[in-house]
Protein backbone atom coordinates (compact mmCIF):
# COMPACT_ATOMS: atom_id res chain seq x y z
CA MET A 1 165.83 131.50 85.82
CA THR A 2 164.06 134.87 86.97
CA GLY A 3 162.35 135.84 89.74
CA MET A 4 159.14 136.51 90.28
CA PHE A 5 156.25 139.34 91.77
CA GLU A 6 153.86 138.30 93.61
CA LEU A 7 150.91 140.45 94.08
CA PHE A 8 148.85 139.89 97.27
CA THR A 9 146.45 141.42 99.77
CA ASP A 10 147.36 141.90 103.42
CA SER A 11 145.52 141.98 106.80
CA ASP A 12 145.10 145.55 106.34
CA ALA A 13 142.72 144.95 102.91
CA SER A 14 145.87 147.17 100.97
CA TYR A 15 147.82 145.84 98.18
CA ARG A 16 151.41 144.98 98.19
CA PHE A 17 153.79 143.18 96.16
CA ARG A 18 156.84 140.37 97.02
CA LEU A 19 159.92 139.44 94.46
CA THR A 20 160.64 135.82 95.19
CA ALA A 21 163.90 134.49 93.72
CA PRO A 22 163.40 131.17 91.98
CA ASP A 23 163.83 128.91 94.66
CA GLY A 24 161.06 130.78 96.70
CA THR A 25 163.21 132.94 98.64
CA VAL A 26 161.69 136.55 99.52
CA MET A 27 163.67 139.05 98.58
CA ALA A 28 161.90 142.46 98.58
CA LEU A 29 158.54 143.04 100.53
CA SER A 30 156.74 146.37 98.88
CA ARG A 31 154.97 149.10 101.29
CA SER A 32 151.24 149.06 101.33
CA PHE A 33 149.68 150.51 98.25
CA PRO A 34 145.31 151.70 98.21
CA ASP A 35 144.28 149.86 94.94
CA LYS A 36 145.54 147.43 92.84
CA PRO A 37 146.52 149.74 89.66
CA SER A 38 149.00 151.90 92.02
CA ALA A 39 150.34 148.42 93.58
CA VAL A 40 150.91 147.42 89.53
CA ALA A 41 152.66 150.71 88.61
CA GLY A 42 155.30 150.08 91.69
CA ILE A 43 156.07 146.69 90.20
CA ALA A 44 156.92 148.63 87.09
CA ALA A 45 158.95 151.57 89.11
CA VAL A 46 160.73 148.69 90.64
CA ARG A 47 161.77 146.94 87.37
CA GLU A 48 162.78 150.16 86.00
CA TYR A 49 164.54 151.35 88.97
CA ALA A 50 166.44 147.88 90.10
CA GLY A 51 167.51 147.56 86.19
CA MET A 52 169.25 151.09 85.93
CA GLY A 53 169.79 151.45 89.43
CA LEU A 54 173.56 152.54 91.07
CA VAL A 55 174.82 150.53 93.35
CA THR A 56 175.44 152.34 96.47
CA GLU A 57 177.98 151.33 99.27
CA ILE A 58 177.32 152.69 102.85
CA GLY A 59 180.09 151.35 105.53
CA ILE A 60 180.74 152.13 108.50
CA PRO A 61 184.61 153.10 109.42
CA HIS A 62 185.61 150.85 111.72
CA ASP A 63 187.74 153.30 114.18
CA VAL A 64 184.53 155.59 114.64
CA ASP A 65 181.82 155.10 116.98
CA VAL A 66 178.49 153.83 115.43
CA ARG A 67 176.25 157.41 117.13
CA GLN A 68 178.72 159.52 115.70
CA SER A 69 178.72 157.62 112.29
CA LEU A 70 175.05 158.16 112.22
CA ALA A 71 175.06 162.16 112.30
CA VAL A 72 178.04 161.94 109.62
CA ARG A 73 176.65 160.58 106.05
CA PRO A 74 179.28 158.08 104.95
CA PRO A 75 180.78 158.31 101.92
CA ARG A 76 178.77 156.83 98.81
CA ILE A 77 180.71 155.03 96.28
CA ARG A 78 178.45 154.68 92.89
CA ILE A 79 179.13 152.33 90.03
CA PRO A 80 177.61 153.24 86.57
CA SER A 81 174.57 151.47 85.42
CA ALA A 82 173.43 151.11 82.08
CA ALA A 83 171.45 153.81 82.46
CA ARG A 84 172.93 156.06 79.91
CA PHE A 85 173.44 152.73 77.58
CA LEU A 86 169.52 152.17 77.60
CA GLY A 87 168.08 155.62 77.52
CA GLY A 88 164.34 155.88 77.24
CA ARG A 89 164.12 152.56 75.59
CA ALA A 90 164.05 150.39 79.14
CA VAL A 91 160.95 152.91 80.16
CA THR A 92 159.41 152.00 76.71
CA ARG A 93 160.05 148.10 77.46
CA ASN A 94 158.37 148.65 80.74
CA GLN A 95 155.16 150.03 79.40
CA GLN A 96 155.12 147.45 76.85
CA MET A 97 155.23 144.59 79.60
CA ILE A 98 152.58 146.59 81.60
CA VAL A 99 150.50 146.33 78.49
CA ARG A 100 151.21 142.90 77.82
CA TRP A 101 150.31 141.97 81.27
CA ARG A 102 146.88 143.61 81.39
CA GLN A 103 145.73 142.03 77.98
CA ALA A 104 146.84 139.24 79.94
CA LEU A 105 144.85 139.45 82.64
CA GLU A 106 142.03 140.59 80.47
CA ALA A 107 141.44 137.50 78.61
CA ARG A 108 142.10 135.44 81.95
CA THR A 109 139.39 136.98 83.39
CA ALA A 110 137.09 137.60 80.66
CA PRO A 111 133.90 134.95 80.97
CA ALA A 112 134.38 132.05 78.03
CA GLY A 113 132.26 131.38 75.38
CA PHE A 114 129.96 134.20 76.17
CA GLY A 115 130.41 137.10 73.66
CA THR A 116 128.30 140.14 73.14
CA CYS A 117 125.49 140.19 70.94
């Protein structure tokens, strides 16, 4: 099973989304967006970046004081992702998914039985 993006309006009347696991656990919560199209674009960006993002481990050595370690940038370990393999195909796939999502949304919000004459 896959996770689900939930688009909602927060208490400040701005849009946010959260990524939930199949069991309902909230895995990520977005920043606030001023309007719905920018929130949908944020979901598309998360889909693209998460699928092709690099994994970076940031650790603090055990023998260094935490305050000192914040002043010095810890070493980064980069694990190659599928970005080189997929290239521009992932972007195209995400754009196609957005178009399908918008079409489905329009189909659900269109009034039933009322056509133009």
